[in-house]
Structure formats: C-alpha cells, structure tokens
PDB file of N, CA and C in Angstrom:
ATOM      1  N   MET A   1      33.016   9.665  13.809  1.00  0.00           N
ATOM      2  CA  MET A   1      33.007   8.602  12.829  1.00  0.00           C
ATOM      3  C   MET A   1      32.919   7.242  13.515  1.00  0.00           C
ATOM      4  N   GLY A   2      33.589   7.094  14.654  1.00  0.00           N
ATOM      5  CA  GLY A   2      33.570   5.815  15.362  1.00  0.00           C
ATOM      6  C   GLY A   2      32.181   5.447  15.849  1.00  0.00           C
ATOM      7  N   LYS A   3      31.442   6.430  16.393  1.00  0.00           N
ATOM      8  CA  LYS A   3      30.096   6.160  16.877  1.00  0.00           C
ATOM      9  C   LYS A   3      29.156   5.821  15.727  1.00  0.00           C
ATOM     10  N   THR A   4      29.347   6.489  14.600  1.00  0.00           N
ATOM     11  CA  THR A   4      28.527   6.190  13.426  1.00  0.00           C
ATOM     12  C   THR A   4      28.798   4.782  12.943  1.00  0.00           C
ATOM     13  N   ARG A   5      30.055   4.397  12.885  1.00  0.00           N
ATOM     14  CA  ARG A   5      30.421   3.045  12.458  1.00  0.00           C
ATOM     15  C   ARG A   5      29.803   2.007  13.395  1.00  0.00           C
ATOM     16  N   GLU A   6      29.873   2.251  14.696  1.00  0.00           N
ATOM     17  CA  GLU A   6      29.291   1.317  15.664  1.00  0.00           C
ATOM     18  C   GLU A   6      27.779   1.192  15.471  1.00  0.00           C
ATOM     19  N   ALA A   7      27.105   2.317  15.267  1.00  0.00           N
ATOM     20  CA  ALA A   7      25.657   2.299  15.057  1.00  0.00           C
ATOM     21  C   ALA A   7      25.315   1.578  13.762  1.00  0.00           C
ATOM     22  N   TRP A   8      26.110   1.814  12.714  1.00  0.00           N
ATOM     23  CA  TRP A   8      25.907   1.150  11.418  1.00  0.00           C
ATOM     24  C   TRP A   8      26.046  -0.366  11.573  1.00  0.00           C
ATOM     25  N   ILE A   9      27.126  -0.799  12.208  1.00  0.00           N
ATOM     26  CA  ILE A   9      27.369  -2.237  12.387  1.00  0.00           C
ATOM     27  C   ILE A   9      26.247  -2.867  13.199  1.00  0.00           C
ATOM     28  N   ALA A  10      25.825  -2.202  14.269  1.00  0.00           N
ATOM     29  CA  ALA A  10      24.740  -2.734  15.101  1.00  0.00           C
ATOM     30  C   ALA A  10      23.451  -2.869  14.298  1.00  0.00           C
ATOM     31  N   ALA A  11      23.144  -1.882  13.475  1.00  0.00           N
ATOM     32  CA  ALA A  11      21.925  -1.927  12.666  1.00  0.00           C
ATOM     33  C   ALA A  11      21.987  -3.060  11.647  1.00  0.00           C
ATOM     34  N   VAL A  12      23.118  -3.182  10.963  1.00  0.00           N
ATOM     35  CA  VAL A  12      23.262  -4.225   9.942  1.00  0.00           C
ATOM     36  C   VAL A  12      23.234  -5.609  10.590  1.00  0.00           C
ATOM     37  N   LEU A  13      23.899  -5.774  11.722  1.00  0.00           N
ATOM     38  CA  LEU A  13      23.888  -7.068  12.403  1.00  0.00           C
ATOM     39  C   LEU A  13      22.498  -7.422  12.929  1.00  0.00           C
ATOM     40  N   SER A  14      21.659  -6.419  13.177  1.00  0.00           N
ATOM     41  CA  SER A  14      20.299  -6.700  13.629  1.00  0.00           C
ATOM     42  C   SER A  14      19.364  -7.041  12.473  1.00  0.00           C
ATOM     43  N   GLY A  15      19.898  -6.991  11.239  1.00  0.00           N
ATOM     44  CA  GLY A  15      19.114  -7.416  10.082  1.00  0.00           C
ATOM     45  C   GLY A  15      18.670  -6.313   9.146  1.00  0.00           C
ATOM     46  N   VAL A  16      19.072  -5.077   9.387  1.00  0.00           N
ATOM     47  CA  VAL A  16      18.687  -3.968   8.514  1.00  0.00           C
ATOM     48  C   VAL A  16      19.525  -4.023   7.232  1.00  0.00           C
ATOM     49  N   ASP A  17      18.860  -3.862   6.107  1.00  0.00           N
ATOM     50  CA  ASP A  17      19.547  -3.849   4.813  1.00  0.00           C
ATOM     51  C   ASP A  17      20.405  -2.584   4.711  1.00  0.00           C
ATOM     52  N   PRO A  18      21.706  -2.708   4.475  1.00  0.00           N
ATOM     53  CA  PRO A  18      22.567  -1.524   4.374  1.00  0.00           C
ATOM     54  C   PRO A  18      22.108  -0.551   3.284  1.00  0.00           C
ATOM     55  N   GLN A  19      21.543  -1.090   2.200  1.00  0.00           N
ATOM     56  CA  GLN A  19      21.067  -0.215   1.118  1.00  0.00           C
ATOM     57  C   GLN A  19      19.901   0.648   1.593  1.00  0.00           C
ATOM     58  N   LYS A  20      19.065   0.098   2.469  1.00  0.00           N
ATOM     59  CA  LYS A  20      17.946   0.870   3.017  1.00  0.00           C
ATOM     60  C   LYS A  20      18.462   2.060   3.819  1.00  0.00           C
ATOM     61  N   ILE A  21      19.502   1.830   4.623  1.00  0.00           N
ATOM     62  CA  ILE A  21      20.077   2.913   5.421  1.00  0.00           C
ATOM     63  C   ILE A  21      20.667   3.980   4.502  1.00  0.00           C
ATOM     64  N   THR A  22      21.407   3.544   3.504  1.00  0.00           N
ATOM     65  CA  THR A  22      22.050   4.474   2.580  1.00  0.00           C
ATOM     66  C   THR A  22      21.026   5.301   1.810  1.00  0.00           C
ATOM     67  N   THR A  23      20.005   4.641   1.273  1.00  0.00           N
ATOM     68  CA  THR A  23      18.972   5.339   0.509  1.00  0.00           C
ATOM     69  C   THR A  23      18.242   6.358   1.384  1.00  0.00           C
ATOM     70  N   ALA A  24      17.914   5.955   2.615  1.00  0.00           N
ATOM     71  CA  ALA A  24      17.225   6.873   3.533  1.00  0.00           C
ATOM     72  C   ALA A  24      18.132   8.035   3.927  1.00  0.00           C
ATOM     73  N   ALA A  25      19.423   7.767   4.123  1.00  0.00           N
ATOM     74  CA  ALA A  25      20.359   8.836   4.482  1.00  0.00           C
ATOM     75  C   ALA A  25      20.477   9.852   3.349  1.00  0.00           C
ATOM     76  N   GLU A  26      20.505   9.387   2.111  1.00  0.00           N
ATOM     77  CA  GLU A  26      20.561  10.299   0.971  1.00  0.00           C
ATOM     78  C   GLU A  26      19.288  11.139   0.896  1.00  0.00           C
ATOM     79  N   ALA A  27      18.138  10.511   1.133  1.00  0.00           N
ATOM     80  CA  ALA A  27      16.869  11.241   1.111  1.00  0.00           C
ATOM     81  C   ALA A  27      16.827  12.275   2.236  1.00  0.00           C
ATOM     82  N   TYR A  28      17.332  11.899   3.410  1.00  0.00           N
ATOM     83  CA  TYR A  28      17.371  12.831   4.548  1.00  0.00           C
ATOM     84  C   TYR A  28      18.281  14.016   4.219  1.00  0.00           C
ATOM     85  N   ALA A  29      19.403  13.739   3.588  1.00  0.00           N
ATOM     86  CA  ALA A  29      20.334  14.813   3.211  1.00  0.00           C
ATOM     87  C   ALA A  29      19.672  15.775   2.226  1.00  0.00           C
ATOM     88  N   ARG A  30      18.928  15.244   1.247  1.00  0.00           N
ATOM     89  CA  ARG A  30      18.218  16.113   0.299  1.00  0.00           C
ATOM     90  C   ARG A  30      17.170  16.948   1.025  1.00  0.00           C
ATOM     91  N   GLN A  31      16.462  16.318   1.959  1.00  0.00           N
ATOM     92  CA  GLN A  31      15.409  17.007   2.697  1.00  0.00           C
ATOM     93  C   GLN A  31      15.974  18.128   3.565  1.00  0.00           C
ATOM     94  N   MET A  32      17.133  17.919   4.137  1.00  0.00           N
ATOM     95  CA  MET A  32      17.703  18.882   5.072  1.00  0.00           C
ATOM     96  C   MET A  32      18.649  19.890   4.410  1.00  0.00           C
ATOM     97  N   ALA A  33      18.854  19.760   3.118  1.00  0.00           N
ATOM     98  CA  ALA A  33      19.755  20.675   2.405  1.00  0.00           C
ATOM     99  C   ALA A  33      19.311  22.118   2.628  1.00  0.00           C
ATOM    100  N   GLY A  34      20.250  22.958   3.008  1.00  0.00           N
ATOM    101  CA  GLY A  34      19.974  24.368   3.229  1.00  0.00           C
ATOM    102  C   GLY A  34      19.482  24.695   4.630  1.00  0.00           C
ATOM    103  N   GLN A  35      19.255  23.672   5.458  1.00  0.00           N
ATOM    104  CA  GLN A  35      18.798  23.904   6.831  1.00  0.00           C
ATOM    105  C   GLN A  35      19.977  24.297   7.711  1.00  0.00           C
ATOM    106  N   ASP A  36      19.677  24.969   8.790  1.00  0.00           N
ATOM    107  CA  ASP A  36      20.692  25.332   9.770  1.00  0.00           C
ATOM    108  C   ASP A  36      21.257  24.042  10.370  1.00  0.00           C
ATOM    109  N   PHE A  37      22.567  23.960  10.461  1.00  0.00           N
ATOM    110  CA  PHE A  37      23.255  22.740  10.899  1.00  0.00           C
ATOM    111  C   PHE A  37      22.771  22.245  12.261  1.00  0.00           C
ATOM    112  N   GLN A  38      22.366  23.154  13.136  1.00  0.00           N
ATOM    113  CA  GLN A  38      21.951  22.741  14.482  1.00  0.00           C
ATOM    114  C   GLN A  38      20.661  21.914  14.465  1.00  0.00           C
ATOM    115  N   PHE A  39      19.898  21.947  13.373  1.00  0.00           N
ATOM    116  CA  PHE A  39      18.644  21.200  13.290  1.00  0.00           C
ATOM    117  C   PHE A  39      18.792  19.875  12.556  1.00  0.00           C
ATOM    118  N   ILE A  40      19.999  19.547  12.116  1.00  0.00           N
ATOM    119  CA  ILE A  40      20.232  18.305  11.383  1.00  0.00           C
ATOM    120  C   ILE A  40      20.703  17.234  12.352  1.00  0.00           C
ATOM    121  N   LYS A  41      20.046  16.093  12.327  1.00  0.00           N
ATOM    122  CA  LYS A  41      20.391  14.976  13.210  1.00  0.00           C
ATOM    123  C   LYS A  41      21.761  14.434  12.817  1.00  0.00           C
ATOM    124  N   GLN A  42      22.616  14.218  13.793  1.00  0.00           N
ATOM    125  CA  GLN A  42      23.949  13.672  13.534  1.00  0.00           C
ATOM    126  C   GLN A  42      23.853  12.194  13.165  1.00  0.00           C
ATOM    127  N   SER A  43      24.789  11.712  12.387  1.00  0.00           N
ATOM    128  CA  SER A  43      24.686  10.388  11.774  1.00  0.00           C
ATOM    129  C   SER A  43      24.554   9.245  12.773  1.00  0.00           C
ATOM    130  N   ALA A  44      25.344   9.230  13.835  1.00  0.00           N
ATOM    131  CA  ALA A  44      25.272   8.126  14.804  1.00  0.00           C
ATOM    132  C   ALA A  44      23.898   8.077  15.460  1.00  0.00           C
ATOM    133  N   GLY A  45      23.394   9.209  15.879  1.00  0.00           N
ATOM    134  CA  GLY A  45      22.068   9.254  16.490  1.00  0.00           C
ATOM    135  C   GLY A  45      20.970   8.945  15.495  1.00  0.00           C
ATOM    136  N   TRP A  46      21.164   9.383  14.249  1.00  0.00           N
ATOM    137  CA  TRP A  46      20.182   9.129  13.193  1.00  0.00           C
ATOM    138  C   TRP A  46      20.025   7.631  12.978  1.00  0.00           C
ATOM    139  N   ILE A  47      21.130   6.911  12.923  1.00  0.00           N
ATOM    140  CA  ILE A  47      21.071   5.454  12.749  1.00  0.00           C
ATOM    141  C   ILE A  47      20.541   4.789  14.016  1.00  0.00           C
ATOM    142  N   ARG A  48      21.060   5.186  15.160  1.00  0.00           N
ATOM    143  CA  ARG A  48      20.655   4.585  16.441  1.00  0.00           C
ATOM    144  C   ARG A  48      19.155   4.753  16.675  1.00  0.00           C
ATOM    145  N   ASP A  49      18.595   5.895  16.273  1.00  0.00           N
ATOM    146  CA  ASP A  49      17.169   6.171  16.459  1.00  0.00           C
ATOM    147  C   ASP A  49      16.310   5.569  15.350  1.00  0.00           C
ATOM    148  N   ARG A  50      16.932   4.799  14.472  1.00  0.00           N
ATOM    149  CA  ARG A  50      16.244   4.107  13.373  1.00  0.00           C
ATOM    150  C   ARG A  50      15.495   5.085  12.466  1.00  0.00           C
ATOM    151  N   ARG A  51      16.091   6.234  12.230  1.00  0.00           N
ATOM    152  CA  ARG A  51      15.458   7.245  11.375  1.00  0.00           C
ATOM    153  C   ARG A  51      15.387   6.789   9.918  1.00  0.00           C
ATOM    154  N   TYR A  52      16.118   5.760   9.557  1.00  0.00           N
ATOM    155  CA  TYR A  52      16.048   5.208   8.206  1.00  0.00           C
ATOM    156  C   TYR A  52      14.681   4.589   7.943  1.00  0.00           C
ATOM    157  N   GLU A  53      13.876   4.415   8.980  1.00  0.00           N
ATOM    158  CA  GLU A  53      12.525   3.887   8.812  1.00  0.00           C
ATOM    159  C   GLU A  53      11.504   5.004   8.567  1.00  0.00           C
ATOM    160  N   ASP A  54      11.938   6.270   8.666  1.00  0.00           N
ATOM    161  CA  ASP A  54      11.042   7.393   8.396  1.00  0.00           C
ATOM    162  C   ASP A  54      10.628   7.380   6.926  1.00  0.00           C
ATOM    163  N   LYS A  55       9.562   8.080   6.628  1.00  0.00           N
ATOM    164  CA  LYS A  55       9.101   8.227   5.246  1.00  0.00           C
ATOM    165  C   LYS A  55       9.749   9.479   4.651  1.00  0.00           C
ATOM    166  N   PHE A  56      10.405   9.307   3.523  1.00  0.00           N
ATOM    167  CA  PHE A  56      11.054  10.418   2.835  1.00  0.00           C
ATOM    168  C   PHE A  56      10.491  10.524   1.429  1.00  0.00           C
ATOM    169  N   PRO A  57      10.500  11.726   0.842  1.00  0.00           N
ATOM    170  CA  PRO A  57      10.061  11.856  -0.538  1.00  0.00           C
ATOM    171  C   PRO A  57      10.977  11.059  -1.466  1.00  0.00           C
ATOM    172  N   PRO A  58      10.437  10.584  -2.573  1.00  0.00           N
ATOM    173  CA  PRO A  58      11.278   9.817  -3.499  1.00  0.00           C
ATOM    174  C   PRO A  58      12.397  10.662  -4.080  1.00  0.00           C
ATOM    175  N   ALA A  59      13.432   9.988  -4.519  1.00  0.00           N
ATOM    176  CA  ALA A  59      14.572  10.672  -5.138  1.00  0.00           C
ATOM    177  C   ALA A  59      14.124  11.333  -6.435  1.00  0.00           C
ATOM    178  N   PRO A  60      14.692  12.480  -6.760  1.00  0.00           N
ATOM    179  CA  PRO A  60      14.330  13.121  -8.031  1.00  0.00           C
ATOM    180  C   PRO A  60      14.727  12.224  -9.194  1.00  0.00           C
ATOM    181  N   ASN A  61      13.892  12.225 -10.220  1.00  0.00           N
ATOM    182  CA  ASN A  61      14.144  11.364 -11.373  1.00  0.00           C
ATOM    183  C   ASN A  61      14.570  12.147 -12.604  1.00  0.00           C
ATOM    184  N   GLY A  62      14.915  13.398 -12.428  1.00  0.00           N
ATOM    185  CA  GLY A  62      15.346  14.207 -13.559  1.00  0.00           C
ATOM    186  C   GLY A  62      14.199  14.890 -14.277  1.00  0.00           C
ATOM    187  N   LYS A  63      12.963  14.599 -13.867  1.00  0.00           N
ATOM    188  CA  LYS A  63      11.800  15.222 -14.485  1.00  0.00           C
ATOM    189  C   LYS A  63      11.338  16.371 -13.593  1.00  0.00           C
ATOM    190  N   PRO A  64      10.758  17.390 -14.178  1.00  0.00           N
ATOM    191  CA  PRO A  64      10.284  18.504 -13.346  1.00  0.00           C
ATOM    192  C   PRO A  64       9.097  18.076 -12.498  1.00  0.00           C
ATOM    193  N   ASP A  65       8.956  18.698 -11.341  1.00  0.00           N
ATOM    194  CA  ASP A  65       7.785  18.460 -10.516  1.00  0.00           C
ATOM    195  C   ASP A  65       6.579  19.060 -11.223  1.00  0.00           C
ATOM    196  N   LEU A  66       5.545  18.265 -11.384  1.00  0.00           N
ATOM    197  CA  LEU A  66       4.330  18.741 -12.034  1.00  0.00           C
ATOM    198  C   LEU A  66       3.311  19.110 -10.976  1.00  0.00           C
ATOM    199  N   LYS A  67       2.617  20.177 -11.223  1.00  0.00           N
ATOM    200  CA  LYS A  67       1.604  20.630 -10.291  1.00  0.00           C
ATOM    201  C   LYS A  67       0.255  20.656 -11.008  1.00  0.00           C
ATOM    202  N   ALA A  68      -0.794  20.430 -10.264  1.00  0.00           N
ATOM    203  CA  ALA A  68      -2.130  20.475 -10.838  1.00  0.00           C
ATOM    204  C   ALA A  68      -2.428  21.891 -11.314  1.00  0.00           C
ATOM    205  N   VAL A  69      -3.076  21.965 -12.447  1.00  0.00           N
ATOM    206  CA  VAL A  69      -3.423  23.255 -13.027  1.00  0.00           C
ATOM    207  C   VAL A  69      -4.938  23.315 -13.153  1.00  0.00           C
ATOM    208  N   GLY A  70      -5.479  24.426 -12.843  1.00  0.00           N
ATOM    209  CA  GLY A  70      -6.918  24.592 -12.969  1.00  0.00           C
ATOM    210  C   GLY A  70      -7.260  26.062 -13.040  1.00  0.00           C
ATOM    211  N   GLY A  71      -8.530  26.330 -13.003  1.00  0.00           N
ATOM    212  CA  GLY A  71      -8.969  27.712 -13.040  1.00  0.00           C
ATOM    213  C   GLY A  71      -9.649  28.042 -14.346  1.00  0.00           C
ATOM    214  N   LYS A  72     -10.166  29.247 -14.433  1.00  0.00           N
ATOM    215  CA  LYS A  72     -10.966  29.620 -15.606  1.00  0.00           C
ATOM    216  C   LYS A  72     -10.124  29.789 -16.866  1.00  0.00           C
ATOM    217  N   ASN A  73      -8.828  30.053 -16.747  1.00  0.00           N
ATOM    218  CA  ASN A  73      -7.981  30.265 -17.923  1.00  0.00           C
ATOM    219  C   ASN A  73      -7.259  29.004 -18.369  1.00  0.00           C
ATOM    220  N   HIS A  74      -7.527  27.900 -17.717  1.00  0.00           N
ATOM    221  CA  HIS A  74      -6.831  26.654 -18.054  1.00  0.00           C
ATOM    222  C   HIS A  74      -7.566  25.912 -19.165  1.00  0.00           C
ATOM    223  N   THR A  75      -6.812  25.498 -20.179  1.00  0.00           N
ATOM    224  CA  THR A  75      -7.357  24.666 -21.242  1.00  0.00           C
ATOM    225  C   THR A  75      -6.647  23.325 -21.191  1.00  0.00           C
ATOM    226  N   PRO A  76      -7.373  22.248 -20.947  1.00  0.00           N
ATOM    227  CA  PRO A  76      -6.705  20.953 -20.862  1.00  0.00           C
ATOM    228  C   PRO A  76      -6.139  20.528 -22.215  1.00  0.00           C
ATOM    229  N   TYR A  77      -5.117  19.693 -22.177  1.00  0.00           N
ATOM    230  CA  TYR A  77      -4.488  19.197 -23.396  1.00  0.00           C
ATOM    231  C   TYR A  77      -5.470  18.326 -24.160  1.00  0.00           C
ATOM    232  N   ARG A  78      -5.486  18.506 -25.473  1.00  0.00           N
ATOM    233  CA  ARG A  78      -6.311  17.666 -26.344  1.00  0.00           C
ATOM    234  C   ARG A  78      -5.437  17.095 -27.437  1.00  0.00           C
ATOM    235  N   GLN A  79      -5.601  15.818 -27.674  1.00  0.00           N
ATOM    236  CA  GLN A  79      -4.860  15.145 -28.741  1.00  0.00           C
ATOM    237  C   GLN A  79      -5.281  15.754 -30.070  1.00  0.00           C
ATOM    238  N   GLN A  80      -4.319  16.021 -30.944  1.00  0.00           N
ATOM    239  CA  GLN A  80      -4.633  16.579 -32.252  1.00  0.00           C
ATOM    240  C   GLN A  80      -5.384  15.540 -33.075  1.00  0.00           C
ATOM    241  N   THR A  81      -6.392  15.993 -33.824  1.00  0.00           N
ATOM    242  CA  THR A  81      -7.158  15.072 -34.658  1.00  0.00           C
ATOM    243  C   THR A  81      -6.489  14.877 -36.013  1.00  0.00           C
ATOM    244  N   ALA A  82      -5.803  15.903 -36.489  1.00  0.00           N
ATOM    245  CA  ALA A  82      -5.107  15.784 -37.768  1.00  0.00           C
ATOM    246  C   ALA A  82      -3.772  15.084 -37.536  1.00  0.00           C
ATOM    247  N   PRO A  83      -3.318  14.258 -38.484  1.00  0.00           N
ATOM    248  CA  PRO A  83      -2.013  13.611 -38.294  1.00  0.00           C
ATOM    249  C   PRO A  83      -0.900  14.646 -38.285  1.00  0.00           C
ATOM    250  N   SER A  84       0.088  14.388 -37.492  1.00  0.00           N
ATOM    251  CA  SER A  84       1.203  15.331 -37.400  1.00  0.00           C
ATOM    252  C   SER A  84       2.152  15.098 -38.561  1.00  0.00           C
ATOM    253  N   ALA A  85       3.082  16.033 -38.716  1.00  0.00           N
ATOM    254  CA  ALA A  85       4.089  15.908 -39.753  1.00  0.00           C
ATOM    255  C   ALA A  85       4.963  14.684 -39.530  1.00  0.00           C
ATOM    256  N   TYR A  86       5.131  14.279 -38.283  1.00  0.00           N
ATOM    257  CA  TYR A  86       5.958  13.119 -37.981  1.00  0.00           C
ATOM    258  C   TYR A  86       5.332  11.821 -38.452  1.00  0.00           C
ATOM    259  N   ALA A  87       4.015  11.804 -38.607  1.00  0.00           N
ATOM    260  CA  ALA A  87       3.340  10.582 -39.056  1.00  0.00           C
ATOM    261  C   ALA A  87       3.744  10.232 -40.486  1.00  0.00           C
ATOM    262  N   ASN A  88       4.159  11.233 -41.275  1.00  0.00           N
ATOM    263  CA  ASN A  88       4.539  11.008 -42.665  1.00  0.00           C
ATOM    264  C   ASN A  88       6.025  10.788 -42.834  1.00  0.00           C
ATOM    265  N   GLY A  89       6.757  10.585 -41.752  1.00  0.00           N
ATOM    266  CA  GLY A  89       8.177  10.316 -41.855  1.00  0.00           C
ATOM    267  C   GLY A  89       9.066  11.538 -41.895  1.00  0.00           C
ATOM    268  N   PHE A  90       8.553  12.685 -41.576  1.00  0.00           N
ATOM    269  CA  PHE A  90       9.360  13.921 -41.596  1.00  0.00           C
ATOM    270  C   PHE A  90      10.201  14.015 -40.372  1.00  0.00           C
TER     271      PHE A  90
END
C-alpha cells in the first residue's frame, strides 16, 4: 500500500488527473477480471509505468453488446407503415 501511495502522489504531483488514474484502474480491473493473479500488474508498478495512459474499452453502460448481423436468413428492421396502437393513445 505504501508503494502504491507513493506512486499515486508522484503521478498526481506531476500533473496527472486523479480521476484519469481511477477510471483507467477500474477499466483495467474489468479487463483483467477472471485472469490468473500472476498476470495482473500490481498497483504500484501499474501507476509507475503510466499504464493509466493505455487504451481500455469503455465502461459498460447497462446496454447489451450489439453485434453485426448478416447472412441469408437475416431480415433488416423496417419501420412499420401502419400507425401503431400507441399512436392512438392506448
């Protein structure tokens, strides 16, 4: 914990936004979830090596991941031409 605190203070004093470090650390934790512990970078080294500057996938927004759909059995969505029941206040 002491080495992590020292690395954190050094990074913040050098001008790094603390929120950037926190957001990147959360993204790294999501990315490494379920991995063998020996392959996860320890916090002090992670900060010291400026890993918060790495590119991480965005945080989940509660929506399902959508994947492209195609092929001969795929029918693309088409807007209904007839008004829906909701248009009449139902």
